[in-house]
Amino acid sequence: MFTSVTTMLEKINQIAGNSTRKKGETKFLSHLFRMLAIFK
């Protein structure tokens, strides 16, 4: 289950990264990934 959530977040992060308009969201997701890495 956790891996599917991570994959979903990666897809969202890629979509957000493709849009310069969503730089703030990308930074937030990057921070979220660092938080998730602690729990891995």
N, C-alpha and C. Protein backbone atom coordinates (compact mmCIF):
# COMPACT_ATOMS: atom_id res chain seq x y z
N MET A 1 0.83 -1.20 0.00
CA MET A 1 0.00 0.00 0.00
C MET A 1 0.87 1.26 0.00
N PHE A 2 1.92 1.24 0.83
CA PHE A 2 2.79 2.42 0.93
C PHE A 2 3.46 2.71 -0.41
N THR A 3 3.88 1.65 -1.12
CA THR A 3 4.56 1.85 -2.40
C THR A 3 3.63 2.48 -3.43
N SER A 4 2.35 2.10 -3.42
CA SER A 4 1.40 2.68 -4.37
C SER A 4 1.18 4.16 -4.07
N VAL A 5 1.17 4.51 -2.79
CA VAL A 5 1.02 5.92 -2.40
C VAL A 5 2.24 6.71 -2.86
N THR A 6 3.43 6.14 -2.68
CA THR A 6 4.66 6.80 -3.11
C THR A 6 4.67 6.99 -4.62
N THR A 7 4.24 5.97 -5.36
CA THR A 7 4.19 6.06 -6.82
C THR A 7 3.22 7.15 -7.26
N MET A 8 2.08 7.23 -6.58
CA MET A 8 1.10 8.26 -6.90
C MET A 8 1.68 9.64 -6.65
N LEU A 9 2.39 9.81 -5.53
CA LEU A 9 3.00 11.10 -5.21
C LEU A 9 4.08 11.45 -6.22
N GLU A 10 4.82 10.45 -6.68
CA GLU A 10 5.85 10.69 -7.69
C GLU A 10 5.23 11.21 -8.98
N LYS A 11 4.11 10.62 -9.38
CA LYS A 11 3.41 11.07 -10.59
C LYS A 11 2.92 12.50 -10.43
N ILE A 12 2.35 12.79 -9.26
CA ILE A 12 1.88 14.16 -8.98
C ILE A 12 3.05 15.14 -9.00
N ASN A 13 4.18 14.71 -8.42
CA ASN A 13 5.36 15.57 -8.38
C ASN A 13 5.89 15.84 -9.79
N GLN A 14 5.85 14.82 -10.66
CA GLN A 14 6.29 15.00 -12.05
C GLN A 14 5.39 15.98 -12.78
N ILE A 15 4.08 15.84 -12.58
CA ILE A 15 3.12 16.74 -13.23
C ILE A 15 3.32 18.17 -12.73
N ALA A 16 3.50 18.31 -11.41
CA ALA A 16 3.71 19.64 -10.84
C ALA A 16 5.05 20.22 -11.30
N GLY A 17 6.05 19.36 -11.43
CA GLY A 17 7.37 19.80 -11.88
C GLY A 17 7.36 20.28 -13.31
N ASN A 18 6.44 19.74 -14.12
CA ASN A 18 6.34 20.13 -15.52
C ASN A 18 5.71 21.51 -15.68
N SER A 19 5.08 22.00 -14.64
CA SER A 19 4.41 23.30 -14.71
C SER A 19 5.16 24.31 -13.83
N THR A 20 5.78 25.29 -14.45
CA THR A 20 6.52 26.31 -13.70
C THR A 20 5.58 27.09 -12.79
N ARG A 21 4.31 27.10 -13.13
CA ARG A 21 3.28 27.80 -12.37
C ARG A 21 3.11 27.18 -10.99
N LYS A 22 3.47 25.90 -10.86
CA LYS A 22 3.23 25.17 -9.61
C LYS A 22 4.54 24.93 -8.84
N LYS A 23 5.46 25.86 -8.92
CA LYS A 23 6.74 25.69 -8.23
C LYS A 23 6.56 25.53 -6.72
N GLY A 24 5.63 26.26 -6.15
CA GLY A 24 5.37 26.16 -4.72
C GLY A 24 4.91 24.77 -4.33
N GLU A 25 4.04 24.17 -5.16
CA GLU A 25 3.54 22.83 -4.88
C GLU A 25 4.67 21.81 -5.01
N THR A 26 5.55 22.01 -5.99
CA THR A 26 6.67 21.09 -6.18
C THR A 26 7.59 21.12 -4.97
N LYS A 27 7.85 22.31 -4.45
CA LYS A 27 8.69 22.44 -3.25
C LYS A 27 8.05 21.74 -2.07
N PHE A 28 6.73 21.87 -1.94
CA PHE A 28 6.00 21.22 -0.85
C PHE A 28 6.10 19.70 -0.99
N LEU A 29 5.95 19.20 -2.22
CA LEU A 29 6.02 17.75 -2.45
C LEU A 29 7.44 17.24 -2.19
N SER A 30 8.45 18.02 -2.56
CA SER A 30 9.82 17.63 -2.29
C SER A 30 10.05 17.49 -0.79
N HIS A 31 9.51 18.42 -0.03
CA HIS A 31 9.60 18.37 1.43
C HIS A 31 8.85 17.15 1.96
N LEU A 32 7.69 16.86 1.35
CA LEU A 32 6.89 15.70 1.75
C LEU A 32 7.66 14.40 1.51
N PHE A 33 8.38 14.33 0.38
CA PHE A 33 9.19 13.14 0.09
C PHE A 33 10.28 12.95 1.13
N ARG A 34 10.89 14.04 1.58
CA ARG A 34 11.92 13.93 2.62
C ARG A 34 11.32 13.41 3.91
N MET A 35 10.10 13.84 4.23
CA MET A 35 9.41 13.35 5.42
C MET A 35 9.11 11.86 5.28
N LEU A 36 8.64 11.45 4.09
CA LEU A 36 8.32 10.04 3.84
C LEU A 36 9.57 9.17 3.90
N ALA A 37 10.70 9.71 3.46
CA ALA A 37 11.95 8.94 3.47
C ALA A 37 12.34 8.53 4.89
N ILE A 38 11.97 9.34 5.87
CA ILE A 38 12.27 9.03 7.26
C ILE A 38 11.53 7.76 7.69
N PHE A 39 10.30 7.58 7.18
CA PHE A 39 9.47 6.45 7.59
C PHE A 39 9.77 5.17 6.80
N LYS A 40 10.55 5.28 5.73
CA LYS A 40 10.85 4.10 4.92
C LYS A 40 11.70 3.10 5.69
